[in-house]
PDB file of all heavy atoms in Angstrom:
ATOM      1  N   VAL A   1     121.199 136.745 -56.516  1.00  0.00           N
ATOM      2  CA  VAL A   1     120.212 137.819 -56.675  1.00  0.00           C
ATOM      3  C   VAL A   1     120.644 139.071 -55.910  1.00  0.00           C
ATOM      4  O   VAL A   1     120.604 140.180 -56.447  1.00  0.00           O
ATOM      5  CB  VAL A   1     118.812 137.340 -56.209  1.00  0.00           C
ATOM      6  CG1 VAL A   1     117.815 138.488 -56.151  1.00  0.00           C
ATOM      7  CG2 VAL A   1     118.304 136.230 -57.124  1.00  0.00           C
ATOM      8  N   PHE A   2     121.090 138.901 -54.659  1.00  0.00           N
ATOM      9  CA  PHE A   2     121.534 140.047 -53.867  1.00  0.00           C
ATOM     10  C   PHE A   2     122.748 140.725 -54.509  1.00  0.00           C
ATOM     11  O   PHE A   2     122.879 141.951 -54.445  1.00  0.00           O
ATOM     12  CB  PHE A   2     121.881 139.610 -52.439  1.00  0.00           C
ATOM     13  CG  PHE A   2     120.720 139.600 -51.497  1.00  0.00           C
ATOM     14  CD1 PHE A   2     119.596 138.833 -51.735  1.00  0.00           C
ATOM     15  CD2 PHE A   2     120.747 140.358 -50.329  1.00  0.00           C
ATOM     16  CE1 PHE A   2     118.529 138.812 -50.865  1.00  0.00           C
ATOM     17  CE2 PHE A   2     119.692 140.345 -49.441  1.00  0.00           C
ATOM     18  CZ  PHE A   2     118.565 139.573 -49.711  1.00  0.00           C
ATOM     19  N   SER A   3     123.633 139.938 -55.100  1.00  0.00           N
ATOM     20  CA  SER A   3     124.832 140.508 -55.721  1.00  0.00           C
ATOM     21  C   SER A   3     124.482 141.337 -56.947  1.00  0.00           C
ATOM     22  O   SER A   3     125.035 142.430 -57.143  1.00  0.00           O
ATOM     23  CB  SER A   3     125.820 139.403 -56.092  1.00  0.00           C
ATOM     24  OG  SER A   3     126.255 138.733 -54.936  1.00  0.00           O
ATOM     25  N   ILE A   4     123.582 140.841 -57.762  1.00  0.00           N
ATOM     26  CA  ILE A   4     123.136 141.619 -58.924  1.00  0.00           C
ATOM     27  C   ILE A   4     122.481 142.912 -58.455  1.00  0.00           C
ATOM     28  O   ILE A   4     122.773 144.001 -58.976  1.00  0.00           O
ATOM     29  CB  ILE A   4     122.177 140.796 -59.812  1.00  0.00           C
ATOM     30  CG1 ILE A   4     122.965 139.704 -60.547  1.00  0.00           C
ATOM     31  CG2 ILE A   4     121.434 141.693 -60.800  1.00  0.00           C
ATOM     32  CD1 ILE A   4     122.117 138.763 -61.371  1.00  0.00           C
ATOM     33  N   ALA A   5     121.635 142.798 -57.443  1.00  0.00           N
ATOM     34  CA  ALA A   5     120.991 143.996 -56.887  1.00  0.00           C
ATOM     35  C   ALA A   5     122.037 144.956 -56.322  1.00  0.00           C
ATOM     36  O   ALA A   5     121.929 146.173 -56.496  1.00  0.00           O
ATOM     37  CB  ALA A   5     119.987 143.601 -55.808  1.00  0.00           C
ATOM     38  N   GLY A   6     123.066 144.408 -55.675  1.00  0.00           N
ATOM     39  CA  GLY A   6     124.123 145.243 -55.106  1.00  0.00           C
ATOM     40  C   GLY A   6     124.871 146.033 -56.159  1.00  0.00           C
ATOM     41  O   GLY A   6     125.176 147.220 -55.956  1.00  0.00           O
ATOM     42  N   VAL A   7     125.184 145.396 -57.278  1.00  0.00           N
ATOM     43  CA  VAL A   7     125.870 146.099 -58.369  1.00  0.00           C
ATOM     44  C   VAL A   7     124.995 147.258 -58.855  1.00  0.00           C
ATOM     45  O   VAL A   7     125.474 148.387 -59.023  1.00  0.00           O
ATOM     46  CB  VAL A   7     126.208 145.137 -59.533  1.00  0.00           C
ATOM     47  CG1 VAL A   7     126.690 145.906 -60.755  1.00  0.00           C
ATOM     48  CG2 VAL A   7     127.256 144.123 -59.099  1.00  0.00           C
ATOM     49  N   LYS A   8     123.725 146.990 -59.038  1.00  0.00           N
ATOM     50  CA  LYS A   8     122.798 148.028 -59.518  1.00  0.00           C
ATOM     51  C   LYS A   8     122.639 149.142 -58.483  1.00  0.00           C
ATOM     52  O   LYS A   8     122.666 150.325 -58.819  1.00  0.00           O
ATOM     53  CB  LYS A   8     121.429 147.415 -59.844  1.00  0.00           C
ATOM     54  CG  LYS A   8     121.466 146.417 -60.978  1.00  0.00           C
ATOM     55  CD  LYS A   8     121.747 147.106 -62.286  1.00  0.00           C
ATOM     56  CE  LYS A   8     121.604 146.147 -63.444  1.00  0.00           C
ATOM     57  NZ  LYS A   8     121.843 146.795 -64.725  1.00  0.00           N
ATOM     58  N   VAL A   9     122.475 148.774 -57.213  1.00  0.00           N
ATOM     59  CA  VAL A   9     122.340 149.764 -56.139  1.00  0.00           C
ATOM     60  C   VAL A   9     123.612 150.589 -56.024  1.00  0.00           C
ATOM     61  O   VAL A   9     123.558 151.816 -55.881  1.00  0.00           O
ATOM     62  CB  VAL A   9     122.002 149.076 -54.787  1.00  0.00           C
ATOM     63  CG1 VAL A   9     122.177 150.026 -53.617  1.00  0.00           C
ATOM     64  CG2 VAL A   9     120.592 148.514 -54.807  1.00  0.00           C
ATOM     65  N   GLY A  10     124.758 149.927 -56.071  1.00  0.00           N
ATOM     66  CA  GLY A  10     126.032 150.640 -55.976  1.00  0.00           C
ATOM     67  C   GLY A  10     126.191 151.666 -57.067  1.00  0.00           C
ATOM     68  O   GLY A  10     126.644 152.785 -56.824  1.00  0.00           O
ATOM     69  N   ASN A  11     125.817 151.300 -58.265  1.00  0.00           N
ATOM     70  CA  ASN A  11     125.938 152.227 -59.377  1.00  0.00           C
ATOM     71  C   ASN A  11     124.955 153.384 -59.239  1.00  0.00           C
ATOM     72  O   ASN A  11     125.272 154.512 -59.590  1.00  0.00           O
ATOM     73  CB  ASN A  11     125.726 151.489 -60.698  1.00  0.00           C
ATOM     74  CG  ASN A  11     126.121 152.334 -61.877  1.00  0.00           C
ATOM     75  OD1 ASN A  11     125.271 152.820 -62.603  1.00  0.00           O
ATOM     76  ND2 ASN A  11     127.421 152.508 -62.050  1.00  0.00           N
ATOM     77  N   ALA A  12     123.803 153.111 -58.653  1.00  0.00           N
ATOM     78  CA  ALA A  12     122.785 154.153 -58.533  1.00  0.00           C
ATOM     79  C   ALA A  12     122.958 155.028 -57.291  1.00  0.00           C
ATOM     80  O   ALA A  12     122.756 156.237 -57.344  1.00  0.00           O
ATOM     81  CB  ALA A  12     121.397 153.509 -58.517  1.00  0.00           C
ATOM     82  N   PHE A  13     123.332 154.424 -56.156  1.00  0.00           N
ATOM     83  CA  PHE A  13     123.304 155.154 -54.894  1.00  0.00           C
ATOM     84  C   PHE A  13     124.642 155.301 -54.188  1.00  0.00           C
ATOM     85  O   PHE A  13     124.728 155.983 -53.173  1.00  0.00           O
ATOM     86  CB  PHE A  13     122.328 154.492 -53.916  1.00  0.00           C
ATOM     87  CG  PHE A  13     120.921 154.453 -54.415  1.00  0.00           C
ATOM     88  CD1 PHE A  13     120.359 153.262 -54.816  1.00  0.00           C
ATOM     89  CD2 PHE A  13     120.176 155.615 -54.499  1.00  0.00           C
ATOM     90  CE1 PHE A  13     119.060 153.219 -55.285  1.00  0.00           C
ATOM     91  CE2 PHE A  13     118.877 155.575 -54.963  1.00  0.00           C
ATOM     92  CZ  PHE A  13     118.311 154.387 -55.365  1.00  0.00           C
ATOM     93  N   GLY A  14     125.663 154.613 -54.634  1.00  0.00           N
ATOM     94  CA  GLY A  14     126.959 154.731 -53.980  1.00  0.00           C
ATOM     95  C   GLY A  14     127.095 153.834 -52.768  1.00  0.00           C
ATOM     96  O   GLY A  14     126.376 152.851 -52.617  1.00  0.00           O
ATOM     97  N   THR A  15     128.008 154.176 -51.894  1.00  0.00           N
ATOM     98  CA  THR A  15     128.373 153.295 -50.782  1.00  0.00           C
ATOM     99  C   THR A  15     127.561 153.506 -49.513  1.00  0.00           C
ATOM    100  O   THR A  15     127.846 152.884 -48.499  1.00  0.00           O
ATOM    101  CB  THR A  15     129.868 153.483 -50.429  1.00  0.00           C
ATOM    102  OG1 THR A  15     130.075 154.848 -50.079  1.00  0.00           O
ATOM    103  CG2 THR A  15     130.762 153.084 -51.579  1.00  0.00           C
ATOM    104  N   LYS A  16     126.539 154.324 -49.536  1.00  0.00           N
ATOM    105  CA  LYS A  16     125.840 154.617 -48.284  1.00  0.00           C
ATOM    106  C   LYS A  16     125.124 153.403 -47.698  1.00  0.00           C
ATOM    107  O   LYS A  16     124.819 153.390 -46.511  1.00  0.00           O
ATOM    108  CB  LYS A  16     124.911 155.812 -48.439  1.00  0.00           C
ATOM    109  CG  LYS A  16     123.582 155.563 -49.063  1.00  0.00           C
ATOM    110  CD  LYS A  16     122.820 156.875 -49.121  1.00  0.00           C
ATOM    111  CE  LYS A  16     121.343 156.642 -49.121  1.00  0.00           C
ATOM    112  NZ  LYS A  16     120.585 157.872 -49.194  1.00  0.00           N
ATOM    113  N   TYR A  17     124.857 152.361 -48.479  1.00  0.00           N
ATOM    114  CA  TYR A  17     124.165 151.175 -47.964  1.00  0.00           C
ATOM    115  C   TYR A  17     125.102 150.032 -47.591  1.00  0.00           C
ATOM    116  O   TYR A  17     124.668 149.045 -47.022  1.00  0.00           O
ATOM    117  CB  TYR A  17     123.131 150.677 -48.978  1.00  0.00           C
ATOM    118  CG  TYR A  17     122.032 151.681 -49.208  1.00  0.00           C
ATOM    119  CD1 TYR A  17     121.937 152.372 -50.398  1.00  0.00           C
ATOM    120  CD2 TYR A  17     121.098 151.955 -48.213  1.00  0.00           C
ATOM    121  CE1 TYR A  17     120.945 153.304 -50.605  1.00  0.00           C
ATOM    122  CE2 TYR A  17     120.104 152.894 -48.411  1.00  0.00           C
ATOM    123  CZ  TYR A  17     120.029 153.560 -49.610  1.00  0.00           C
ATOM    124  OH  TYR A  17     119.051 154.486 -49.813  1.00  0.00           O
ATOM    125  N   LYS A  18     126.395 150.141 -47.894  1.00  0.00           N
ATOM    126  CA  LYS A  18     127.343 149.053 -47.636  1.00  0.00           C
ATOM    127  C   LYS A  18     127.385 148.693 -46.161  1.00  0.00           C
ATOM    128  O   LYS A  18     127.222 147.531 -45.786  1.00  0.00           O
ATOM    129  CB  LYS A  18     128.740 149.436 -48.131  1.00  0.00           C
ATOM    130  CG  LYS A  18     129.796 148.392 -47.839  1.00  0.00           C
ATOM    131  CD  LYS A  18     131.170 148.888 -48.293  1.00  0.00           C
ATOM    132  CE  LYS A  18     132.240 147.861 -48.060  1.00  0.00           C
ATOM    133  NZ  LYS A  18     132.557 147.634 -46.657  1.00  0.00           N
ATOM    134  N   ALA A  19     127.594 149.661 -45.298  1.00  0.00           N
ATOM    135  CA  ALA A  19     127.701 149.396 -43.858  1.00  0.00           C
ATOM    136  C   ALA A  19     126.381 148.874 -43.300  1.00  0.00           C
ATOM    137  O   ALA A  19     126.370 147.969 -42.454  1.00  0.00           O
ATOM    138  CB  ALA A  19     128.127 150.659 -43.115  1.00  0.00           C
ATOM    139  N   LYS A  20     125.275 149.396 -43.785  1.00  0.00           N
ATOM    140  CA  LYS A  20     123.961 148.939 -43.304  1.00  0.00           C
ATOM    141  C   LYS A  20     123.715 147.479 -43.688  1.00  0.00           C
ATOM    142  O   LYS A  20     123.152 146.709 -42.907  1.00  0.00           O
ATOM    143  CB  LYS A  20     122.857 149.838 -43.845  1.00  0.00           C
ATOM    144  CG  LYS A  20     122.903 151.226 -43.231  1.00  0.00           C
ATOM    145  CD  LYS A  20     121.867 152.134 -43.830  1.00  0.00           C
ATOM    146  CE  LYS A  20     122.022 153.528 -43.213  1.00  0.00           C
ATOM    147  NZ  LYS A  20     121.263 154.530 -43.861  1.00  0.00           N
ATOM    148  N   ALA A  21     124.146 147.089 -44.874  1.00  0.00           N
ATOM    149  CA  ALA A  21     123.980 145.702 -45.310  1.00  0.00           C
ATOM    150  C   ALA A  21     124.815 144.765 -44.442  1.00  0.00           C
ATOM    151  O   ALA A  21     124.340 143.710 -44.016  1.00  0.00           O
ATOM    152  CB  ALA A  21     124.370 145.555 -46.780  1.00  0.00           C
ATOM    153  N   GLU A  22     126.063 145.143 -44.159  1.00  0.00           N
ATOM    154  CA  GLU A  22     126.918 144.314 -43.308  1.00  0.00           C
ATOM    155  C   GLU A  22     126.373 144.240 -41.891  1.00  0.00           C
ATOM    156  O   GLU A  22     126.383 143.175 -41.269  1.00  0.00           O
ATOM    157  CB  GLU A  22     128.348 144.853 -43.286  1.00  0.00           C
ATOM    158  CG  GLU A  22     129.092 144.582 -44.564  1.00  0.00           C
ATOM    159  CD  GLU A  22     130.530 145.087 -44.523  1.00  0.00           C
ATOM    160  OE1 GLU A  22     130.818 146.083 -43.840  1.00  0.00           O
ATOM    161  OE2 GLU A  22     131.365 144.464 -45.206  1.00  0.00           O
ATOM    162  N   LEU A  23     125.885 145.345 -41.372  1.00  0.00           N
ATOM    163  CA  LEU A  23     125.304 145.368 -40.027  1.00  0.00           C
ATOM    164  C   LEU A  23     124.084 144.450 -39.951  1.00  0.00           C
ATOM    165  O   LEU A  23     123.963 143.645 -39.024  1.00  0.00           O
ATOM    166  CB  LEU A  23     124.929 146.810 -39.644  1.00  0.00           C
ATOM    167  CG  LEU A  23     124.326 147.006 -38.264  1.00  0.00           C
ATOM    168  CD1 LEU A  23     125.340 146.644 -37.181  1.00  0.00           C
ATOM    169  CD2 LEU A  23     123.860 148.447 -38.090  1.00  0.00           C
ATOM    170  N   ALA A  24     123.202 144.547 -40.932  1.00  0.00           N
ATOM    171  CA  ALA A  24     122.008 143.693 -40.952  1.00  0.00           C
ATOM    172  C   ALA A  24     122.400 142.214 -41.037  1.00  0.00           C
ATOM    173  O   ALA A  24     121.838 141.372 -40.319  1.00  0.00           O
ATOM    174  CB  ALA A  24     121.113 144.070 -42.135  1.00  0.00           C
ATOM    175  N   GLY A  25     123.347 141.893 -41.882  1.00  0.00           N
ATOM    176  CA  GLY A  25     123.802 140.500 -42.010  1.00  0.00           C
ATOM    177  C   GLY A  25     124.368 139.973 -40.708  1.00  0.00           C
ATOM    178  O   GLY A  25     124.086 138.844 -40.300  1.00  0.00           O
ATOM    179  N   GLY A  26     125.170 140.780 -40.021  1.00  0.00           N
ATOM    180  CA  GLY A  26     125.747 140.369 -38.740  1.00  0.00           C
ATOM    181  C   GLY A  26     124.687 140.110 -37.692  1.00  0.00           C
ATOM    182  O   GLY A  26     124.720 139.102 -36.968  1.00  0.00           O
ATOM    183  N   ILE A  27     123.716 141.003 -37.605  1.00  0.00           N
ATOM    184  CA  ILE A  27     122.629 140.830 -36.630  1.00  0.00           C
ATOM    185  C   ILE A  27     121.827 139.570 -36.927  1.00  0.00           C
ATOM    186  O   ILE A  27     121.478 138.805 -36.016  1.00  0.00           O
ATOM    187  CB  ILE A  27     121.738 142.090 -36.600  1.00  0.00           C
ATOM    188  CG1 ILE A  27     122.523 143.266 -35.995  1.00  0.00           C
ATOM    189  CG2 ILE A  27     120.450 141.844 -35.816  1.00  0.00           C
ATOM    190  CD1 ILE A  27     121.848 144.617 -36.171  1.00  0.00           C
ATOM    191  N   ILE A  28     121.540 139.329 -38.184  1.00  0.00           N
ATOM    192  CA  ILE A  28     120.781 138.132 -38.577  1.00  0.00           C
ATOM    193  C   ILE A  28     121.524 136.870 -38.160  1.00  0.00           C
ATOM    194  O   ILE A  28     120.932 135.937 -37.593  1.00  0.00           O
ATOM    195  CB  ILE A  28     120.500 138.133 -40.100  1.00  0.00           C
ATOM    196  CG1 ILE A  28     119.448 139.196 -40.435  1.00  0.00           C
ATOM    197  CG2 ILE A  28     120.053 136.752 -40.583  1.00  0.00           C
ATOM    198  CD1 ILE A  28     119.303 139.464 -41.923  1.00  0.00           C
ATOM    199  N   LEU A  29     122.822 136.798 -38.423  1.00  0.00           N
ATOM    200  CA  LEU A  29     123.586 135.595 -38.084  1.00  0.00           C
ATOM    201  C   LEU A  29     123.658 135.379 -36.575  1.00  0.00           C
ATOM    202  O   LEU A  29     123.541 134.242 -36.100  1.00  0.00           O
ATOM    203  CB  LEU A  29     124.983 135.660 -38.696  1.00  0.00           C
ATOM    204  CG  LEU A  29     125.022 135.587 -40.230  1.00  0.00           C
ATOM    205  CD1 LEU A  29     126.448 135.704 -40.726  1.00  0.00           C
ATOM    206  CD2 LEU A  29     124.377 134.318 -40.745  1.00  0.00           C
ATOM    207  N   ILE A  30     123.822 136.434 -35.808  1.00  0.00           N
ATOM    208  CA  ILE A  30     123.843 136.305 -34.344  1.00  0.00           C
ATOM    209  C   ILE A  30     122.487 135.801 -33.844  1.00  0.00           C
ATOM    210  O   ILE A  30     122.422 134.892 -33.003  1.00  0.00           O
ATOM    211  CB  ILE A  30     124.227 137.643 -33.679  1.00  0.00           C
ATOM    212  CG1 ILE A  30     125.701 137.952 -33.949  1.00  0.00           C
ATOM    213  CG2 ILE A  30     123.955 137.609 -32.173  1.00  0.00           C
ATOM    214  CD1 ILE A  30     126.126 139.356 -33.548  1.00  0.00           C
TER     215      ILE A  30
END
């Protein structure tokens, strides 16, 4: 589900959310 959303978000908004998604994932795992 997140991957499908990512493809759609990427096409609509570009790369501005890539780093934020990785940062959030890292914090969650820690």
